[in-house]
């Protein structure tokens, strides 16, 4: 884990792990999203996405797991939901299925050379991600993700449950 990684707009979102599973569980303890943290962490690591980023994105998209999409559709990322018509949000059979579908789409389109929004690497940064993934308020979204990543990364004394 790189604790010196500056969380600027150019911060990498793949090939790095800013937090352990234990730290992520400690940060989310007692909140509805806590139950899916191990799923997010495992799938993100498998796909080469920073697990702390995948968690921060799920926190923002699902309101810590309180959103209707997360609770009734197993859709922790608002996958295929649009401001114009959020009823299009995909419904999944399980949390694991919903998390895997969203993270695989992220990996394929944003974190892989040749991906639709990879843009020579820009898609694998906070700025590139916000430019393509977020329908509106990209600057506020970047600020929210940076804040969450700093908190998750900075948790001191968290015991690892790994």
N, C-alpha and C. Protein backbone atom coordinates (compact mmCIF):
# COMPACT_ATOMS: atom_id res chain seq x y z
N UNK A 1 0.86 -1.17 0.00
CA UNK A 1 0.00 0.00 0.00
C UNK A 1 0.90 1.23 0.00
N UNK A 2 0.61 2.17 -0.85
CA UNK A 2 1.39 3.40 -0.95
C UNK A 2 0.69 4.50 -0.17
N UNK A 3 1.24 4.85 0.97
CA UNK A 3 0.63 5.91 1.78
C UNK A 3 1.03 7.30 1.30
N UNK A 4 2.04 7.40 0.41
CA UNK A 4 2.48 8.71 -0.05
C UNK A 4 1.82 9.11 -1.36
N UNK A 5 0.95 8.29 -1.90
CA UNK A 5 0.29 8.60 -3.16
C UNK A 5 -0.57 9.84 -3.01
N UNK A 6 -0.27 10.92 -3.72
CA UNK A 6 -1.09 12.12 -3.61
C UNK A 6 -2.43 11.91 -4.29
N UNK A 7 -3.48 12.29 -3.63
CA UNK A 7 -4.81 12.11 -4.20
C UNK A 7 -5.22 13.35 -4.98
N UNK A 8 -4.53 13.55 -6.09
CA UNK A 8 -4.84 14.65 -6.99
C UNK A 8 -5.79 14.14 -8.06
N UNK A 9 -6.17 14.99 -8.98
CA UNK A 9 -7.01 14.57 -10.10
C UNK A 9 -6.34 13.50 -10.93
N UNK A 10 -5.00 13.45 -10.89
CA UNK A 10 -4.25 12.47 -11.66
C UNK A 10 -3.98 11.19 -10.87
N UNK A 11 -4.56 11.05 -9.69
CA UNK A 11 -4.32 9.86 -8.86
C UNK A 11 -4.76 8.60 -9.57
N UNK A 12 -3.92 7.60 -9.51
CA UNK A 12 -4.22 6.31 -10.14
C UNK A 12 -5.34 5.60 -9.38
N UNK A 13 -6.17 4.91 -10.13
CA UNK A 13 -7.27 4.15 -9.54
C UNK A 13 -7.12 2.66 -9.77
N UNK A 14 -6.04 2.28 -10.42
CA UNK A 14 -5.79 0.85 -10.64
C UNK A 14 -4.33 0.57 -10.33
N UNK A 15 -4.04 -0.70 -10.06
CA UNK A 15 -2.69 -1.11 -9.77
C UNK A 15 -2.18 -0.64 -8.43
N UNK A 16 -3.06 -0.24 -7.53
CA UNK A 16 -2.69 0.24 -6.20
C UNK A 16 -3.76 -0.22 -5.21
N UNK A 17 -3.36 -0.42 -3.97
CA UNK A 17 -4.33 -0.75 -2.93
C UNK A 17 -4.10 0.19 -1.76
N UNK A 18 -5.03 1.11 -1.56
CA UNK A 18 -4.86 2.12 -0.52
C UNK A 18 -5.34 1.67 0.85
N UNK A 19 -5.99 0.53 0.93
CA UNK A 19 -6.50 0.08 2.23
C UNK A 19 -6.64 -1.44 2.23
N UNK A 20 -6.46 -2.00 3.40
CA UNK A 20 -6.67 -3.43 3.55
C UNK A 20 -8.16 -3.70 3.79
N UNK A 21 -8.53 -4.94 3.69
CA UNK A 21 -9.91 -5.32 3.98
C UNK A 21 -10.27 -4.95 5.41
N UNK A 22 -9.36 -5.18 6.34
CA UNK A 22 -9.62 -4.84 7.74
C UNK A 22 -9.88 -3.35 7.94
N UNK A 23 -9.11 -2.51 7.27
CA UNK A 23 -9.33 -1.07 7.38
C UNK A 23 -10.68 -0.67 6.79
N UNK A 24 -11.03 -1.26 5.65
CA UNK A 24 -12.32 -0.96 5.02
C UNK A 24 -13.47 -1.39 5.91
N UNK A 25 -13.35 -2.56 6.53
CA UNK A 25 -14.40 -3.03 7.43
C UNK A 25 -14.50 -2.14 8.66
N UNK A 26 -13.36 -1.69 9.17
CA UNK A 26 -13.36 -0.81 10.33
C UNK A 26 -14.07 0.51 10.01
N UNK A 27 -13.80 1.04 8.82
CA UNK A 27 -14.40 2.31 8.42
C UNK A 27 -15.91 2.21 8.22
N UNK A 28 -16.38 1.09 7.74
CA UNK A 28 -17.80 0.93 7.42
C UNK A 28 -18.59 0.25 8.53
N UNK A 29 -17.95 -0.07 9.62
CA UNK A 29 -18.60 -0.82 10.71
C UNK A 29 -19.92 -0.18 11.13
N UNK A 30 -20.96 -0.99 11.19
CA UNK A 30 -22.27 -0.54 11.65
C UNK A 30 -23.12 0.13 10.60
N UNK A 31 -22.60 0.26 9.40
CA UNK A 31 -23.37 0.88 8.32
C UNK A 31 -23.86 -0.22 7.37
N UNK A 32 -24.95 0.01 6.66
CA UNK A 32 -25.49 -1.04 5.78
C UNK A 32 -24.49 -1.56 4.75
N UNK A 33 -23.58 -0.73 4.29
CA UNK A 33 -22.63 -1.16 3.26
C UNK A 33 -21.61 -2.16 3.79
N UNK A 34 -21.45 -2.23 5.10
CA UNK A 34 -20.45 -3.11 5.70
C UNK A 34 -20.57 -4.55 5.21
N UNK A 35 -21.79 -5.03 5.01
CA UNK A 35 -21.97 -6.43 4.64
C UNK A 35 -21.44 -6.79 3.26
N UNK A 36 -21.25 -5.79 2.38
CA UNK A 36 -20.74 -6.08 1.05
C UNK A 36 -19.27 -5.70 0.87
N UNK A 37 -18.65 -5.15 1.90
CA UNK A 37 -17.25 -4.74 1.80
C UNK A 37 -16.35 -5.91 1.37
N UNK A 38 -16.48 -7.11 1.95
CA UNK A 38 -15.61 -8.19 1.48
C UNK A 38 -15.82 -8.54 0.00
N UNK A 39 -17.03 -8.44 -0.48
CA UNK A 39 -17.31 -8.71 -1.89
C UNK A 39 -16.64 -7.65 -2.76
N UNK A 40 -16.83 -6.39 -2.40
CA UNK A 40 -16.22 -5.29 -3.16
C UNK A 40 -14.71 -5.46 -3.18
N UNK A 41 -14.13 -5.70 -2.02
CA UNK A 41 -12.67 -5.79 -1.91
C UNK A 41 -12.13 -6.94 -2.76
N UNK A 42 -12.73 -8.09 -2.67
CA UNK A 42 -12.27 -9.27 -3.41
C UNK A 42 -12.35 -9.07 -4.92
N UNK A 43 -13.50 -8.60 -5.39
CA UNK A 43 -13.69 -8.43 -6.84
C UNK A 43 -12.79 -7.31 -7.37
N UNK A 44 -12.67 -6.21 -6.63
CA UNK A 44 -11.81 -5.11 -7.07
C UNK A 44 -10.36 -5.59 -7.19
N UNK A 45 -9.86 -6.30 -6.19
CA UNK A 45 -8.49 -6.82 -6.26
C UNK A 45 -8.32 -7.74 -7.45
N UNK A 46 -9.28 -8.62 -7.67
CA UNK A 46 -9.24 -9.56 -8.79
C UNK A 46 -9.13 -8.83 -10.13
N UNK A 47 -9.80 -7.67 -10.24
CA UNK A 47 -9.84 -6.92 -11.49
C UNK A 47 -8.77 -5.82 -11.59
N UNK A 48 -7.95 -5.68 -10.55
CA UNK A 48 -6.88 -4.68 -10.58
C UNK A 48 -7.34 -3.27 -10.31
N UNK A 49 -8.49 -3.11 -9.68
CA UNK A 49 -9.01 -1.79 -9.30
C UNK A 49 -8.68 -1.57 -7.82
N UNK A 50 -8.27 -0.37 -7.48
CA UNK A 50 -8.00 -0.05 -6.07
C UNK A 50 -9.26 -0.35 -5.26
N UNK A 51 -9.19 -1.31 -4.32
CA UNK A 51 -10.38 -1.64 -3.52
C UNK A 51 -10.94 -0.46 -2.73
N UNK A 52 -10.07 0.44 -2.27
CA UNK A 52 -10.56 1.62 -1.55
C UNK A 52 -11.36 2.52 -2.48
N UNK A 53 -10.93 2.66 -3.72
CA UNK A 53 -11.69 3.43 -4.69
C UNK A 53 -13.04 2.76 -4.97
N UNK A 54 -13.04 1.44 -5.17
CA UNK A 54 -14.29 0.73 -5.44
C UNK A 54 -15.26 0.91 -4.27
N UNK A 55 -14.74 0.90 -3.04
CA UNK A 55 -15.59 1.11 -1.87
C UNK A 55 -16.08 2.55 -1.82
N UNK A 56 -15.19 3.52 -2.04
CA UNK A 56 -15.60 4.92 -2.02
C UNK A 56 -16.70 5.18 -3.05
N UNK A 57 -16.55 4.63 -4.22
CA UNK A 57 -17.56 4.79 -5.28
C UNK A 57 -18.90 4.18 -4.84
N UNK A 58 -18.86 3.00 -4.23
CA UNK A 58 -20.10 2.36 -3.76
C UNK A 58 -20.74 3.17 -2.63
N UNK A 59 -19.93 3.74 -1.74
CA UNK A 59 -20.46 4.58 -0.66
C UNK A 59 -21.20 5.78 -1.25
N UNK A 60 -20.57 6.46 -2.20
CA UNK A 60 -21.20 7.64 -2.80
C UNK A 60 -22.45 7.27 -3.59
N UNK A 61 -22.37 6.22 -4.39
CA UNK A 61 -23.50 5.85 -5.26
C UNK A 61 -24.69 5.29 -4.48
N UNK A 62 -24.41 4.62 -3.36
CA UNK A 62 -25.49 3.95 -2.63
C UNK A 62 -25.89 4.66 -1.34
N UNK A 63 -25.26 5.78 -1.03
CA UNK A 63 -25.55 6.46 0.24
C UNK A 63 -25.25 5.56 1.42
N UNK A 64 -24.07 4.94 1.40
CA UNK A 64 -23.63 4.02 2.44
C UNK A 64 -24.48 2.75 2.49
N UNK A 65 -25.15 2.44 1.39
CA UNK A 65 -25.97 1.24 1.34
C UNK A 65 -27.43 1.48 1.69
N UNK A 66 -27.82 2.74 1.79
CA UNK A 66 -29.21 3.05 2.16
C UNK A 66 -30.11 3.29 0.95
N UNK A 67 -29.54 3.39 -0.24
CA UNK A 67 -30.36 3.69 -1.41
C UNK A 67 -31.29 2.53 -1.76
N UNK A 68 -32.37 2.87 -2.40
CA UNK A 68 -33.30 1.85 -2.85
C UNK A 68 -32.64 0.90 -3.83
N UNK A 69 -31.78 1.43 -4.70
CA UNK A 69 -31.09 0.57 -5.67
C UNK A 69 -30.26 -0.49 -4.94
N UNK A 70 -29.52 -0.09 -3.92
CA UNK A 70 -28.69 -1.03 -3.18
C UNK A 70 -29.55 -2.05 -2.42
N UNK A 71 -30.59 -1.56 -1.75
CA UNK A 71 -31.42 -2.43 -0.91
C UNK A 71 -32.31 -3.37 -1.71
N UNK A 72 -32.95 -2.88 -2.76
CA UNK A 72 -33.93 -3.73 -3.44
C UNK A 72 -33.46 -4.29 -4.78
N UNK A 73 -32.40 -3.72 -5.34
CA UNK A 73 -31.94 -4.18 -6.65
C UNK A 73 -30.54 -4.78 -6.62
N UNK A 74 -29.90 -4.81 -5.45
CA UNK A 74 -28.52 -5.28 -5.33
C UNK A 74 -27.61 -4.49 -6.27
N UNK A 75 -27.92 -3.22 -6.45
CA UNK A 75 -27.20 -2.35 -7.37
C UNK A 75 -26.49 -1.27 -6.56
N UNK A 76 -25.28 -1.56 -6.13
CA UNK A 76 -24.53 -0.70 -5.22
C UNK A 76 -23.86 0.47 -5.92
N UNK A 77 -23.85 0.45 -7.25
CA UNK A 77 -23.18 1.50 -8.01
C UNK A 77 -24.12 2.31 -8.88
N UNK A 78 -25.41 2.12 -8.75
CA UNK A 78 -26.34 2.83 -9.62
C UNK A 78 -26.14 2.45 -11.07
N UNK A 79 -25.71 1.21 -11.28
CA UNK A 79 -25.36 0.73 -12.62
C UNK A 79 -26.55 0.85 -13.57
N UNK A 80 -26.34 1.53 -14.66
CA UNK A 80 -27.33 1.80 -15.70
C UNK A 80 -28.48 2.70 -15.23
N UNK A 81 -28.23 3.46 -14.17
CA UNK A 81 -29.20 4.48 -13.73
C UNK A 81 -28.74 5.81 -14.30
N UNK A 82 -29.67 6.58 -14.78
CA UNK A 82 -29.33 7.86 -15.38
C UNK A 82 -30.22 8.93 -14.78
N UNK A 83 -29.69 10.16 -14.67
CA UNK A 83 -30.49 11.24 -14.11
C UNK A 83 -31.80 11.41 -14.88
N UNK A 84 -31.75 11.22 -16.20
CA UNK A 84 -32.94 11.39 -17.02
C UNK A 84 -34.02 10.36 -16.70
N UNK A 85 -33.60 9.14 -16.35
CA UNK A 85 -34.56 8.07 -16.08
C UNK A 85 -33.90 7.01 -15.21
N UNK A 86 -33.91 7.24 -13.90
CA UNK A 86 -33.24 6.32 -12.99
C UNK A 86 -33.94 4.97 -12.90
N UNK A 87 -35.17 4.87 -13.43
CA UNK A 87 -35.87 3.58 -13.39
C UNK A 87 -35.17 2.53 -14.26
N UNK A 88 -34.23 2.97 -15.10
CA UNK A 88 -33.49 2.04 -15.93
C UNK A 88 -32.41 1.29 -15.15
N UNK A 89 -32.18 1.68 -13.91
CA UNK A 89 -31.14 1.03 -13.11
C UNK A 89 -31.35 -0.47 -13.11
N UNK A 90 -30.28 -1.18 -13.36
CA UNK A 90 -30.34 -2.62 -13.48
C UNK A 90 -30.66 -3.27 -12.13
N UNK A 91 -31.42 -4.34 -12.18
CA UNK A 91 -31.75 -5.14 -11.00
C UNK A 91 -30.93 -6.43 -11.09
N UNK A 92 -30.28 -6.81 -10.00
CA UNK A 92 -29.45 -8.00 -9.97
C UNK A 92 -30.02 -9.01 -8.99
N UNK A 93 -29.68 -10.26 -9.19
CA UNK A 93 -30.18 -11.35 -8.34
C UNK A 93 -29.50 -11.37 -6.98
N UNK A 94 -28.28 -10.85 -6.90
CA UNK A 94 -27.54 -10.87 -5.64
C UNK A 94 -26.59 -9.68 -5.58
N UNK A 95 -26.11 -9.39 -4.37
CA UNK A 95 -25.13 -8.33 -4.21
C UNK A 95 -23.88 -8.64 -5.01
N UNK A 96 -23.41 -9.87 -4.93
CA UNK A 96 -22.20 -10.24 -5.66
C UNK A 96 -22.36 -10.03 -7.16
N UNK A 97 -23.50 -10.41 -7.71
CA UNK A 97 -23.74 -10.23 -9.14
C UNK A 97 -23.73 -8.74 -9.51
N UNK A 98 -24.38 -7.92 -8.72
CA UNK A 98 -24.44 -6.49 -9.00
C UNK A 98 -23.08 -5.82 -8.89
N UNK A 99 -22.33 -6.17 -7.86
CA UNK A 99 -21.00 -5.59 -7.67
C UNK A 99 -20.07 -6.04 -8.79
N UNK A 100 -20.10 -7.32 -9.11
CA UNK A 100 -19.24 -7.85 -10.18
C UNK A 100 -19.56 -7.18 -11.52
N UNK A 101 -20.83 -7.03 -11.86
CA UNK A 101 -21.19 -6.42 -13.15
C UNK A 101 -20.66 -4.99 -13.24
N UNK A 102 -20.85 -4.21 -12.19
CA UNK A 102 -20.39 -2.81 -12.21
C UNK A 102 -18.87 -2.73 -12.25
N UNK A 103 -18.19 -3.52 -11.43
CA UNK A 103 -16.73 -3.45 -11.40
C UNK A 103 -16.11 -4.00 -12.68
N UNK A 104 -16.72 -5.02 -13.28
CA UNK A 104 -16.22 -5.52 -14.57
C UNK A 104 -16.38 -4.46 -15.66
N UNK A 105 -17.50 -3.73 -15.65
CA UNK A 105 -17.70 -2.66 -16.62
C UNK A 105 -16.66 -1.56 -16.41
N UNK A 106 -16.38 -1.23 -15.15
CA UNK A 106 -15.35 -0.24 -14.86
C UNK A 106 -14.00 -0.70 -15.40
N UNK A 107 -13.63 -1.94 -15.08
CA UNK A 107 -12.33 -2.47 -15.50
C UNK A 107 -12.22 -2.49 -17.02
N UNK A 108 -13.25 -2.93 -17.67
CA UNK A 108 -13.26 -3.07 -19.14
C UNK A 108 -13.20 -1.71 -19.83
N UNK A 109 -14.01 -0.77 -19.39
CA UNK A 109 -14.15 0.50 -20.09
C UNK A 109 -13.21 1.60 -19.64
N UNK A 110 -12.75 1.56 -18.40
CA UNK A 110 -11.96 2.66 -17.86
C UNK A 110 -10.52 2.28 -17.52
N UNK A 111 -10.28 1.04 -17.14
CA UNK A 111 -8.96 0.67 -16.64
C UNK A 111 -8.17 -0.23 -17.59
N UNK A 112 -8.71 -0.51 -18.75
CA UNK A 112 -8.03 -1.38 -19.71
C UNK A 112 -7.66 -0.61 -20.97
N UNK A 113 -6.40 -0.72 -21.41
CA UNK A 113 -6.05 -0.10 -22.69
C UNK A 113 -7.01 -0.61 -23.76
N UNK A 114 -7.52 0.28 -24.56
CA UNK A 114 -8.51 -0.09 -25.56
C UNK A 114 -9.93 0.04 -25.06
N UNK A 115 -10.10 0.29 -23.77
CA UNK A 115 -11.43 0.48 -23.21
C UNK A 115 -12.05 1.77 -23.73
N UNK A 116 -13.34 1.80 -23.82
CA UNK A 116 -14.07 2.94 -24.38
C UNK A 116 -13.62 4.28 -23.80
N UNK A 117 -13.39 4.34 -22.49
CA UNK A 117 -13.06 5.60 -21.83
C UNK A 117 -11.65 5.61 -21.23
N UNK A 118 -10.82 4.69 -21.65
CA UNK A 118 -9.45 4.64 -21.12
C UNK A 118 -8.68 5.90 -21.48
N UNK A 119 -8.86 6.38 -22.68
CA UNK A 119 -8.31 7.67 -23.14
C UNK A 119 -6.83 7.82 -22.83
N UNK A 120 -6.05 6.85 -23.24
CA UNK A 120 -4.61 6.95 -23.04
C UNK A 120 -4.22 6.96 -21.58
N UNK A 121 -5.03 6.40 -20.74
CA UNK A 121 -4.75 6.34 -19.31
C UNK A 121 -5.58 7.30 -18.49
N UNK A 122 -6.20 8.30 -19.12
CA UNK A 122 -6.96 9.28 -18.37
C UNK A 122 -8.15 8.66 -17.66
N UNK A 123 -8.69 7.59 -18.20
CA UNK A 123 -9.83 6.94 -17.57
C UNK A 123 -9.48 6.24 -16.28
N UNK A 124 -8.19 6.00 -16.07
CA UNK A 124 -7.76 5.31 -14.86
C UNK A 124 -7.30 6.30 -13.79
N UNK A 125 -7.75 7.54 -13.89
CA UNK A 125 -7.46 8.57 -12.90
C UNK A 125 -8.77 9.13 -12.36
N UNK A 126 -8.70 9.85 -11.25
CA UNK A 126 -9.91 10.48 -10.72
C UNK A 126 -10.54 11.43 -11.74
N UNK A 127 -9.71 12.22 -12.40
CA UNK A 127 -10.22 13.18 -13.37
C UNK A 127 -10.86 12.47 -14.56
N UNK A 128 -10.18 11.48 -15.10
CA UNK A 128 -10.72 10.75 -16.24
C UNK A 128 -12.01 10.02 -15.90
N UNK A 129 -12.03 9.45 -14.72
CA UNK A 129 -13.22 8.74 -14.27
C UNK A 129 -14.41 9.68 -14.18
N UNK A 130 -14.21 10.80 -13.50
CA UNK A 130 -15.29 11.76 -13.31
C UNK A 130 -15.78 12.33 -14.63
N UNK A 131 -14.87 12.52 -15.56
CA UNK A 131 -15.23 13.10 -16.85
C UNK A 131 -16.21 12.21 -17.62
N UNK A 132 -16.11 10.91 -17.45
CA UNK A 132 -16.93 9.99 -18.24
C UNK A 132 -18.03 9.28 -17.44
N UNK A 133 -17.79 8.97 -16.19
CA UNK A 133 -18.72 8.15 -15.42
C UNK A 133 -19.83 8.96 -14.79
N UNK A 134 -19.51 10.16 -14.36
CA UNK A 134 -20.45 10.96 -13.58
C UNK A 134 -21.30 11.83 -14.51
N UNK A 135 -22.63 11.74 -14.35
CA UNK A 135 -23.54 12.52 -15.19
C UNK A 135 -23.44 14.01 -14.91
N UNK A 136 -23.19 14.40 -13.69
CA UNK A 136 -23.12 15.82 -13.33
C UNK A 136 -22.35 16.00 -12.04
N UNK A 137 -21.83 17.18 -11.81
CA UNK A 137 -21.13 17.47 -10.56
C UNK A 137 -19.80 16.75 -10.41
N UNK A 138 -19.04 16.67 -11.50
CA UNK A 138 -17.78 15.92 -11.47
C UNK A 138 -16.80 16.45 -10.43
N UNK A 139 -16.73 17.76 -10.24
CA UNK A 139 -15.80 18.32 -9.26
C UNK A 139 -16.19 17.92 -7.84
N UNK A 140 -17.48 17.98 -7.52
CA UNK A 140 -17.94 17.54 -6.19
C UNK A 140 -17.70 16.06 -5.99
N UNK A 141 -17.92 15.29 -7.04
CA UNK A 141 -17.68 13.85 -6.94
C UNK A 141 -16.22 13.58 -6.66
N UNK A 142 -15.30 14.23 -7.40
CA UNK A 142 -13.87 14.04 -7.16
C UNK A 142 -13.50 14.39 -5.73
N UNK A 143 -14.04 15.49 -5.22
CA UNK A 143 -13.77 15.91 -3.85
C UNK A 143 -14.27 14.85 -2.86
N UNK A 144 -15.47 14.32 -3.11
CA UNK A 144 -16.02 13.28 -2.23
C UNK A 144 -15.19 12.02 -2.23
N UNK A 145 -14.77 11.58 -3.41
CA UNK A 145 -13.94 10.37 -3.49
C UNK A 145 -12.60 10.59 -2.83
N UNK A 146 -11.97 11.73 -3.10
CA UNK A 146 -10.68 12.02 -2.46
C UNK A 146 -10.81 12.02 -0.94
N UNK A 147 -11.86 12.63 -0.43
CA UNK A 147 -12.08 12.65 1.02
C UNK A 147 -12.22 11.25 1.58
N UNK A 148 -13.05 10.45 0.94
CA UNK A 148 -13.24 9.06 1.40
C UNK A 148 -11.94 8.27 1.32
N UNK A 149 -11.20 8.40 0.22
CA UNK A 149 -9.94 7.67 0.09
C UNK A 149 -8.94 8.09 1.17
N UNK A 150 -8.88 9.37 1.47
CA UNK A 150 -7.96 9.83 2.52
C UNK A 150 -8.35 9.27 3.88
N UNK A 151 -9.64 9.24 4.16
CA UNK A 151 -10.11 8.70 5.44
C UNK A 151 -9.82 7.20 5.51
N UNK A 152 -10.20 6.47 4.47
CA UNK A 152 -9.98 5.02 4.46
C UNK A 152 -8.50 4.72 4.58
N UNK A 153 -7.68 5.42 3.81
CA UNK A 153 -6.24 5.19 3.81
C UNK A 153 -5.62 5.57 5.15
N UNK A 154 -6.16 6.58 5.80
CA UNK A 154 -5.55 7.09 7.01
C UNK A 154 -6.00 6.45 8.30
N UNK A 155 -6.87 5.47 8.21
CA UNK A 155 -7.33 4.82 9.45
C UNK A 155 -6.14 4.21 10.17
N UNK A 156 -5.89 4.68 11.36
CA UNK A 156 -4.74 4.19 12.13
C UNK A 156 -5.21 3.15 13.14
N UNK A 157 -4.41 2.13 13.30
CA UNK A 157 -4.67 1.13 14.32
C UNK A 157 -5.80 0.18 14.00
N UNK A 158 -6.28 0.17 12.77
CA UNK A 158 -7.34 -0.77 12.41
C UNK A 158 -6.73 -2.16 12.37
N UNK A 159 -7.42 -3.11 12.93
CA UNK A 159 -6.92 -4.47 12.90
C UNK A 159 -7.36 -5.13 11.61
N UNK A 160 -6.48 -5.85 11.01
CA UNK A 160 -6.81 -6.55 9.79
C UNK A 160 -7.58 -7.82 10.10
N UNK A 161 -8.71 -7.99 9.40
CA UNK A 161 -9.51 -9.19 9.56
C UNK A 161 -9.13 -10.21 8.50
N UNK A 162 -8.00 -9.97 7.85
CA UNK A 162 -7.58 -10.86 6.76
C UNK A 162 -6.81 -12.04 7.29
